[in-house]
Amino acid sequence: YPGDDGRGKRNLARELLSVRRELLDRLVQTYGRHANQLVELQSLSRRFLSELEGITSFLYEQLLWVRSVPRPVIPQPGDVFAALLWLISPENWTAALRVVYEGFSQLPGKGSGALVLLVLLISLRPWMRRRMAVLAKRVSSPETDSFLATPETLAYTLILAAPLPLIFYSISGFLTESASSPFLYSAAGAMAHIAWIVALFEVNRQCAAPRGLAEAHFGWPQVVTRPIYRGLLIAEVVCLPALYFSIQFVMAGIRFSSPEQLQVYNNSLGRILFIGAMSVLGFSLLGLFRPRKSAKSAADSVRSSSLHRIYIYTYPLIMLTTHIPVILAVLGYYLTAILLAYQMVKTLWLILGLTLLGNLLLRWRTWNQRE
């Protein structure tokens, strides 16, 4: 303003500041409304997810009594072939291997930590086996027996069973962080589930190892422990790969939101793998845990004879219980079979825990009476 003494500029500055203050006030009010709307949206989202989980659980409970495989129940060759192509797709496996490699190469992330722990567990295995042999020799004589040798052997047994489950669980964690496709997501879930199954097998197998926990500390006869130790390893090698792939199909196609194509894959090739793996596994376990009549000592003979008499009456029930998931899957009640098999794995873990606890208490009582 020509000839102005600055009063006009001050007035203009005041007007601009007033406008700026008004705009800031409106912005604060707008932010406040948006924040309230976000809180309300978050609350509604949580309520919606809770309702969705409840409805999903209800539907799964009702589907237990409904055939989950559409007719025809017999898998079609075209569906099986398409599922096989999806399973062996080089693109899917390349992505999975890349994710696992990136996870293991993280420094100093979980990859290096898991790798160091795995190397440590493997390197200590010979020393732990020698230590278990020393403890077994110690508890075999009343003069040198000590109850603390049994918990120590139990700790070594669990450590010896840890490497394989650790590998599978680590791979599952790496895949979960980068599960950008249905294949990676299903592989991560399958690895996590198979880790618990492998852990169940390995703990049982290491308990039955020569001069191990069951044989040296719990007094189980060799005629029982040796076939279990060898047979469980064979069962793992034969059955677990097929069981893993069947679980991968389950993780890919069992959800209501799963693409229809993946549901077809799960009901065709996935169901075939499940039936085959569970059938072989069931017959293998029945053969392994059957008490033998022959024994190397009189005590072994008495125990085996007693168990054999019990087994004659319980064998049909054991066989039926072991193969119920197979029968249900063949008839088309695949979802029911999967959930039942999952609950059976949890039950086996409970039985294993109770068996170890009961034998530990019996061992403590026997040692205490001897003292």
Protein backbone atom coordinates (compact mmCIF):
# COMPACT_ATOMS: atom_id res chain seq x y z
CA TYR A 1 0.00 0.00 0.00
CA PRO A 2 1.67 3.17 -1.12
CA GLY A 3 2.06 5.72 1.64
CA ASP A 4 0.74 3.30 4.27
CA ASP A 5 2.39 3.39 7.66
CA GLY A 6 2.11 -0.36 8.09
CA ARG A 7 -1.34 -0.36 9.69
CA GLY A 8 -2.84 -2.06 6.63
CA LYS A 9 -0.21 -4.76 6.70
CA ARG A 10 -0.87 -5.41 10.36
CA ASN A 11 -4.58 -5.66 9.74
CA LEU A 12 -3.97 -8.06 6.87
CA ALA A 13 -1.68 -10.18 9.04
CA ARG A 14 -4.32 -10.28 11.79
CA GLU A 15 -6.94 -11.39 9.28
CA LEU A 16 -4.65 -14.14 7.94
CA LEU A 17 -3.84 -15.32 11.47
CA SER A 18 -7.53 -15.34 12.30
CA VAL A 19 -8.30 -17.38 9.20
CA ARG A 20 -5.41 -19.74 9.99
CA ARG A 21 -6.66 -20.16 13.59
CA GLU A 22 -10.16 -20.88 12.32
CA LEU A 23 -8.85 -23.45 9.83
CA LEU A 24 -6.77 -25.11 12.54
CA ASP A 25 -9.79 -25.27 14.84
CA ARG A 26 -11.85 -26.86 12.07
CA LEU A 27 -8.99 -29.30 11.37
CA VAL A 28 -8.82 -30.27 15.06
CA GLN A 29 -12.58 -30.79 15.13
CA THR A 30 -12.40 -32.86 11.94
CA TYR A 31 -9.56 -34.97 13.37
CA GLY A 32 -11.58 -35.46 16.54
CA ARG A 33 -14.63 -36.65 14.58
CA HIS A 34 -12.44 -38.96 12.50
CA ALA A 35 -10.79 -40.36 15.66
CA ASN A 36 -14.20 -41.08 17.17
CA GLN A 37 -15.31 -42.71 13.95
CA LEU A 38 -12.16 -44.86 13.90
CA VAL A 39 -12.76 -45.97 17.50
CA GLU A 40 -16.34 -46.83 16.64
CA LEU A 41 -15.20 -48.65 13.49
CA GLN A 42 -12.63 -50.60 15.49
CA SER A 43 -15.28 -51.58 18.03
CA LEU A 44 -17.67 -52.66 15.28
CA SER A 45 -14.89 -54.60 13.55
CA ARG A 46 -14.09 -56.50 16.74
CA ARG A 47 -17.76 -57.25 17.26
CA PHE A 48 -18.10 -58.36 13.66
CA LEU A 49 -15.05 -60.65 13.91
CA SER A 50 -16.36 -62.10 17.15
CA GLU A 51 -19.74 -62.79 15.57
CA LEU A 52 -18.02 -64.25 12.51
CA GLU A 53 -15.92 -66.60 14.65
CA GLY A 54 -19.03 -67.69 16.52
CA ILE A 55 -20.95 -68.36 13.32
CA THR A 56 -17.96 -70.21 11.84
CA SER A 57 -17.62 -72.37 14.95
CA PHE A 58 -21.36 -73.10 14.87
CA LEU A 59 -21.20 -74.07 11.21
CA TYR A 60 -18.23 -76.36 11.81
CA GLU A 61 -20.06 -78.01 14.70
CA GLN A 62 -23.10 -78.62 12.49
CA LEU A 63 -20.96 -79.83 9.60
CA LEU A 64 -19.68 -82.63 11.80
CA TRP A 65 -22.92 -84.42 11.04
CA VAL A 66 -23.12 -83.41 7.39
CA ARG A 67 -21.25 -84.88 4.44
CA SER A 68 -18.59 -82.30 3.58
CA VAL A 69 -17.58 -83.85 0.23
CA PRO A 70 -20.11 -83.21 -2.56
CA ARG A 71 -21.18 -86.05 -4.77
CA PRO A 72 -19.67 -87.98 -6.40
CA VAL A 73 -17.72 -89.04 -3.32
CA ILE A 74 -15.16 -90.89 -5.42
CA PRO A 75 -12.47 -88.37 -6.51
CA GLN A 76 -12.46 -87.60 -10.22
CA PRO A 77 -9.18 -88.23 -12.10
CA GLY A 78 -9.18 -84.72 -13.55
CA ASP A 79 -9.47 -83.15 -10.10
CA VAL A 80 -6.72 -85.37 -8.73
CA PHE A 81 -4.41 -84.48 -11.63
CA ALA A 82 -5.10 -80.76 -11.25
CA ALA A 83 -4.42 -80.97 -7.51
CA LEU A 84 -1.15 -82.77 -8.20
CA LEU A 85 -0.06 -80.04 -10.63
CA TRP A 86 -0.81 -77.39 -7.98
CA LEU A 87 1.11 -79.36 -5.36
CA ILE A 88 4.27 -79.87 -7.44
CA SER A 89 4.19 -76.46 -9.13
CA PRO A 90 7.80 -75.23 -9.50
CA GLU A 91 6.64 -71.65 -9.07
CA ASN A 92 5.04 -72.40 -5.69
CA TRP A 93 8.02 -74.35 -4.40
CA THR A 94 10.50 -71.75 -5.63
CA ALA A 95 8.62 -69.08 -3.70
CA ALA A 96 8.51 -71.26 -0.59
CA LEU A 97 12.22 -72.06 -0.73
CA ARG A 98 13.04 -68.40 -1.26
CA VAL A 99 11.02 -67.41 1.80
CA VAL A 100 12.69 -70.08 3.94
CA TYR A 101 16.15 -69.08 2.74
CA GLU A 102 15.47 -65.42 3.49
CA GLY A 103 14.23 -66.38 6.95
CA PHE A 104 17.33 -68.44 7.75
CA SER A 105 19.61 -65.73 6.40
CA GLN A 106 18.27 -63.07 8.78
CA LEU A 107 21.08 -61.84 11.03
CA PRO A 108 20.81 -61.64 13.94
CA GLY A 109 17.18 -62.71 13.52
CA LYS A 110 15.28 -65.90 14.18
CA GLY A 111 16.99 -67.74 11.37
CA SER A 112 20.47 -67.62 12.88
CA GLY A 113 19.11 -68.32 16.35
CA ALA A 114 17.23 -71.42 15.19
CA LEU A 115 20.24 -72.59 13.19
CA VAL A 116 22.63 -72.21 16.14
CA LEU A 117 20.21 -74.03 18.43
CA LEU A 118 19.79 -76.84 15.90
CA VAL A 119 23.57 -77.27 15.49
CA LEU A 120 23.97 -77.29 19.26
CA LEU A 121 21.28 -79.95 19.72
CA ILE A 122 22.77 -82.18 17.03
CA SER A 123 26.35 -81.79 18.26
CA LEU A 124 25.35 -82.76 21.81
CA ARG A 125 23.53 -85.94 20.79
CA PRO A 126 26.55 -88.31 21.09
CA TRP A 127 27.45 -86.94 24.52
CA MET A 128 23.85 -87.21 25.75
CA ARG A 129 23.59 -90.83 24.57
CA ARG A 130 26.80 -91.72 26.40
CA ARG A 131 25.51 -89.95 29.50
CA MET A 132 22.21 -91.84 29.28
CA ALA A 133 24.15 -95.13 29.08
CA VAL A 134 26.06 -94.19 32.24
CA LEU A 135 22.80 -93.32 34.02
CA ALA A 136 21.20 -96.57 32.85
CA LYS A 137 24.10 -98.54 34.32
CA ARG A 138 23.82 -96.57 37.55
CA VAL A 139 20.11 -97.25 38.09
CA SER A 140 20.54 -100.95 37.29
CA SER A 141 22.28 -101.52 40.62
CA PRO A 142 20.58 -100.84 43.98
CA GLU A 143 23.90 -99.66 45.44
CA THR A 144 24.37 -96.86 42.89
CA ASP A 145 20.74 -96.11 42.04
CA SER A 146 19.56 -92.52 42.28
CA PHE A 147 16.11 -91.13 41.49
CA LEU A 148 17.63 -87.94 40.05
CA ALA A 149 19.04 -90.02 37.22
CA THR A 150 15.51 -90.51 35.87
CA PRO A 151 14.54 -86.80 35.49
CA GLU A 152 17.97 -86.19 33.97
CA THR A 153 17.37 -88.97 31.44
CA LEU A 154 13.92 -87.54 30.72
CA ALA A 155 15.49 -84.17 29.94
CA TYR A 156 18.00 -85.79 27.57
CA THR A 157 15.15 -87.73 25.94
CA LEU A 158 13.20 -84.56 25.21
CA ILE A 159 16.31 -82.83 23.85
CA LEU A 160 17.08 -85.79 21.59
CA ALA A 161 13.54 -85.57 20.22
CA ALA A 162 13.75 -81.81 19.56
CA PRO A 163 15.75 -81.32 16.29
CA LEU A 164 13.13 -82.45 13.74
CA PRO A 165 10.22 -80.57 15.36
CA LEU A 166 12.43 -77.50 15.64
CA ILE A 167 13.23 -77.62 11.93
CA PHE A 168 9.56 -77.91 10.93
CA TYR A 169 8.41 -75.25 13.39
CA SER A 170 11.11 -72.80 12.24
CA ILE A 171 10.15 -73.31 8.60
CA SER A 172 6.52 -72.72 9.55
CA GLY A 173 7.43 -69.43 11.23
CA PHE A 174 9.37 -68.19 8.20
CA LEU A 175 6.54 -69.12 5.83
CA THR A 176 3.92 -67.50 8.05
CA GLU A 177 5.67 -64.13 7.95
CA SER A 178 5.56 -64.09 4.12
CA ALA A 179 2.39 -66.10 3.45
CA SER A 180 1.45 -64.07 0.36
CA SER A 181 -0.26 -66.93 -1.48
CA PRO A 182 -2.56 -69.85 -0.60
CA PHE A 183 0.32 -72.27 -1.18
CA LEU A 184 2.62 -70.49 1.31
CA TYR A 185 -0.19 -70.10 3.84
CA SER A 186 -1.14 -73.78 3.64
CA ALA A 187 2.51 -74.87 3.76
CA ALA A 188 3.07 -72.80 6.90
CA GLY A 189 0.04 -74.29 8.63
CA ALA A 190 0.96 -77.82 7.57
CA MET A 191 4.52 -77.41 8.85
CA ALA A 192 3.24 -76.21 12.23
CA HIS A 193 0.87 -79.18 12.60
CA ILE A 194 3.38 -81.74 11.37
CA ALA A 195 5.93 -80.39 13.87
CA TRP A 196 3.63 -81.42 16.74
CA ILE A 197 3.03 -84.83 15.17
CA VAL A 198 6.75 -85.40 14.61
CA ALA A 199 7.42 -84.32 18.19
CA LEU A 200 4.88 -86.89 19.42
CA PHE A 201 6.57 -89.63 17.39
CA GLU A 202 10.08 -88.62 18.38
CA VAL A 203 9.37 -88.36 22.11
CA ASN A 204 7.82 -91.85 22.08
CA ARG A 205 10.71 -93.22 20.00
CA GLN A 206 13.42 -91.71 22.18
CA CYS A 207 11.68 -92.97 25.30
CA ALA A 208 11.89 -96.50 23.85
CA ALA A 209 15.54 -96.15 22.82
CA PRO A 210 18.02 -98.85 23.93
CA ARG A 211 19.09 -98.21 27.54
CA GLY A 212 16.73 -95.27 27.49
CA LEU A 213 14.00 -93.99 29.77
CA ALA A 214 11.43 -96.76 29.32
CA GLU A 215 13.86 -99.68 29.30
CA ALA A 216 16.38 -98.71 31.98
CA HIS A 217 14.31 -96.55 34.33
CA PHE A 218 10.70 -97.71 33.93
CA GLY A 219 11.50 -101.40 33.54
CA TRP A 220 9.77 -101.96 30.19
CA PRO A 221 10.93 -105.20 28.51
CA GLN A 222 13.11 -105.00 25.43
CA VAL A 223 10.60 -107.13 23.52
CA VAL A 224 8.27 -104.09 23.74
CA THR A 225 10.68 -101.16 23.46
CA ARG A 226 12.93 -102.30 20.62
CA PRO A 227 10.14 -102.77 18.01
CA ILE A 228 8.67 -99.40 19.00
CA TYR A 229 12.04 -97.66 18.62
CA ARG A 230 12.65 -99.10 15.15
CA GLY A 231 9.06 -99.14 13.95
CA LEU A 232 8.25 -95.53 14.79
CA LEU A 233 11.16 -94.36 12.64
CA ILE A 234 9.84 -96.40 9.71
CA ALA A 235 6.33 -95.04 10.30
CA GLU A 236 7.68 -91.48 10.27
CA VAL A 237 9.53 -91.96 7.00
CA VAL A 238 6.62 -93.72 5.27
CA CYS A 239 3.56 -91.90 6.60
CA LEU A 240 4.54 -88.37 7.55
CA PRO A 241 5.24 -87.04 4.01
CA ALA A 242 1.78 -88.09 2.81
CA LEU A 243 0.25 -86.76 6.03
CA TYR A 244 2.02 -83.42 5.55
CA PHE A 245 0.69 -82.97 2.01
CA SER A 246 -2.82 -83.93 3.11
CA ILE A 247 -2.65 -81.32 5.89
CA GLN A 248 -1.44 -78.75 3.35
CA PHE A 249 -4.50 -79.41 1.21
CA VAL A 250 -6.65 -79.14 4.33
CA MET A 251 -5.16 -75.77 5.25
CA ALA A 252 -5.68 -74.54 1.70
CA GLY A 253 -9.24 -75.73 1.14
CA ILE A 254 -11.05 -76.27 4.43
CA ARG A 255 -12.06 -72.67 5.12
CA PHE A 256 -15.42 -71.32 3.97
CA SER A 257 -13.57 -68.48 2.24
CA SER A 258 -11.23 -70.84 0.38
CA PRO A 259 -11.49 -70.72 -3.43
CA GLU A 260 -13.70 -73.43 -4.85
CA GLN A 261 -10.76 -74.86 -6.79
CA LEU A 262 -8.73 -75.40 -3.62
CA GLN A 263 -11.72 -77.03 -1.93
CA VAL A 264 -11.89 -79.47 -4.84
CA TYR A 265 -8.17 -80.19 -4.47
CA ASN A 266 -8.64 -80.87 -0.77
CA ASN A 267 -11.61 -83.20 -1.33
CA SER A 268 -9.81 -85.15 -4.07
CA LEU A 269 -6.06 -85.64 -3.79
CA GLY A 270 -5.90 -84.30 -0.24
CA ARG A 271 -8.48 -86.84 0.93
CA ILE A 272 -6.68 -89.68 -0.88
CA LEU A 273 -3.41 -88.79 0.85
CA PHE A 274 -5.17 -88.54 4.21
CA ILE A 275 -6.82 -91.94 3.81
CA GLY A 276 -3.58 -93.58 2.72
CA ALA A 277 -1.42 -92.02 5.44
CA MET A 278 -3.89 -92.71 8.25
CA SER A 279 -4.48 -96.30 7.10
CA VAL A 280 -0.78 -97.17 6.97
CA LEU A 281 -0.13 -95.30 10.20
CA GLY A 282 -2.99 -97.03 11.99
CA PHE A 283 -1.91 -100.53 11.02
CA SER A 284 1.71 -99.69 11.83
CA LEU A 285 0.86 -98.48 15.33
CA LEU A 286 -1.36 -101.48 16.00
CA GLY A 287 1.50 -103.77 15.03
CA LEU A 288 4.09 -101.85 17.04
CA PHE A 289 2.20 -101.62 20.31
CA ARG A 290 0.90 -105.20 20.29
CA PRO A 291 2.48 -107.08 23.21
CA ARG A 292 4.68 -109.97 22.08
CA LYS A 293 4.35 -113.43 23.54
CA SER A 294 8.05 -114.18 23.41
CA ALA A 295 10.30 -112.62 26.02
CA LYS A 296 13.87 -112.92 27.15
CA SER A 297 13.11 -113.24 30.84
CA ALA A 298 10.44 -114.62 33.11
CA ALA A 299 9.40 -111.14 34.21
CA ASP A 300 9.07 -110.05 30.59
CA SER A 301 7.04 -113.18 29.88
CA VAL A 302 4.60 -112.52 32.71
CA ARG A 303 4.15 -108.88 31.70
CA SER A 304 3.73 -109.67 28.01
CA SER A 305 1.24 -112.45 28.78
CA SER A 306 -0.84 -110.14 30.95
CA LEU A 307 -0.83 -107.39 28.34
CA HIS A 308 -1.69 -109.93 25.65
CA ARG A 309 -4.82 -111.07 27.53
CA ILE A 310 -5.96 -107.47 27.85
CA TYR A 311 -5.17 -106.81 24.19
CA ILE A 312 -7.38 -109.70 23.01
CA TYR A 313 -10.45 -107.86 24.31
CA THR A 314 -9.37 -104.33 23.43
CA TYR A 315 -7.93 -105.02 19.97
CA PRO A 316 -11.25 -104.53 18.07
CA LEU A 317 -11.87 -101.27 19.93
CA ILE A 318 -8.34 -100.00 19.29
CA MET A 319 -8.54 -100.88 15.61
CA LEU A 320 -11.94 -99.22 15.22
CA THR A 321 -10.81 -96.07 17.03
CA THR A 322 -7.63 -95.83 14.98
CA HIS A 323 -9.43 -96.18 11.65
CA ILE A 324 -12.60 -94.18 12.32
CA PRO A 325 -11.12 -91.08 10.57
CA VAL A 326 -10.31 -93.24 7.54
CA ILE A 327 -13.83 -94.67 7.38
CA LEU A 328 -15.40 -91.21 7.72
CA ALA A 329 -13.15 -89.76 5.01
CA VAL A 330 -14.03 -92.60 2.62
CA LEU A 331 -17.75 -91.99 3.20
CA GLY A 332 -17.37 -88.27 2.47
CA TYR A 333 -17.39 -86.93 6.05
CA TYR A 334 -13.95 -85.52 5.50
CA LEU A 335 -14.22 -82.50 7.79
CA THR A 336 -15.42 -84.76 10.62
CA ALA A 337 -12.47 -87.10 9.99
CA ILE A 338 -9.97 -84.25 10.08
CA LEU A 339 -11.31 -82.78 13.32
CA LEU A 340 -11.46 -86.23 14.92
CA ALA A 341 -7.86 -86.97 13.91
CA TYR A 342 -6.81 -83.60 15.34
CA GLN A 343 -8.49 -84.38 18.65
CA MET A 344 -6.89 -87.83 18.66
CA VAL A 345 -3.43 -86.24 18.36
CA LYS A 346 -4.22 -84.04 21.36
CA THR A 347 -5.44 -87.11 23.24
CA LEU A 348 -2.22 -88.97 22.44
CA TRP A 349 -0.21 -86.07 23.84
CA LEU A 350 -2.31 -86.23 27.01
CA ILE A 351 -1.80 -90.00 27.26
CA LEU A 352 1.95 -89.57 26.75
CA GLY A 353 2.12 -86.94 29.49
CA LEU A 354 0.09 -89.04 31.92
CA THR A 355 2.18 -92.13 31.12
CA LEU A 356 5.44 -90.31 31.80
CA LEU A 357 4.07 -88.78 34.99
CA GLY A 358 2.69 -92.11 36.23
CA ASN A 359 5.94 -93.94 35.55
CA LEU A 360 7.95 -91.19 37.23
CA LEU A 361 5.78 -91.47 40.35
CA LEU A 362 6.08 -95.26 40.29
CA ARG A 363 9.85 -94.98 39.88
CA TRP A 364 10.07 -92.54 42.80
CA ARG A 365 7.98 -94.80 45.01
CA THR A 366 10.09 -97.82 44.15
CA TRP A 367 13.32 -95.96 44.83
CA ASN A 368 11.93 -94.50 48.05
CA GLN A 369 10.90 -97.94 49.35
CA ARG A 370 14.34 -99.28 48.48
CA GLU A 371 15.96 -96.50 50.48
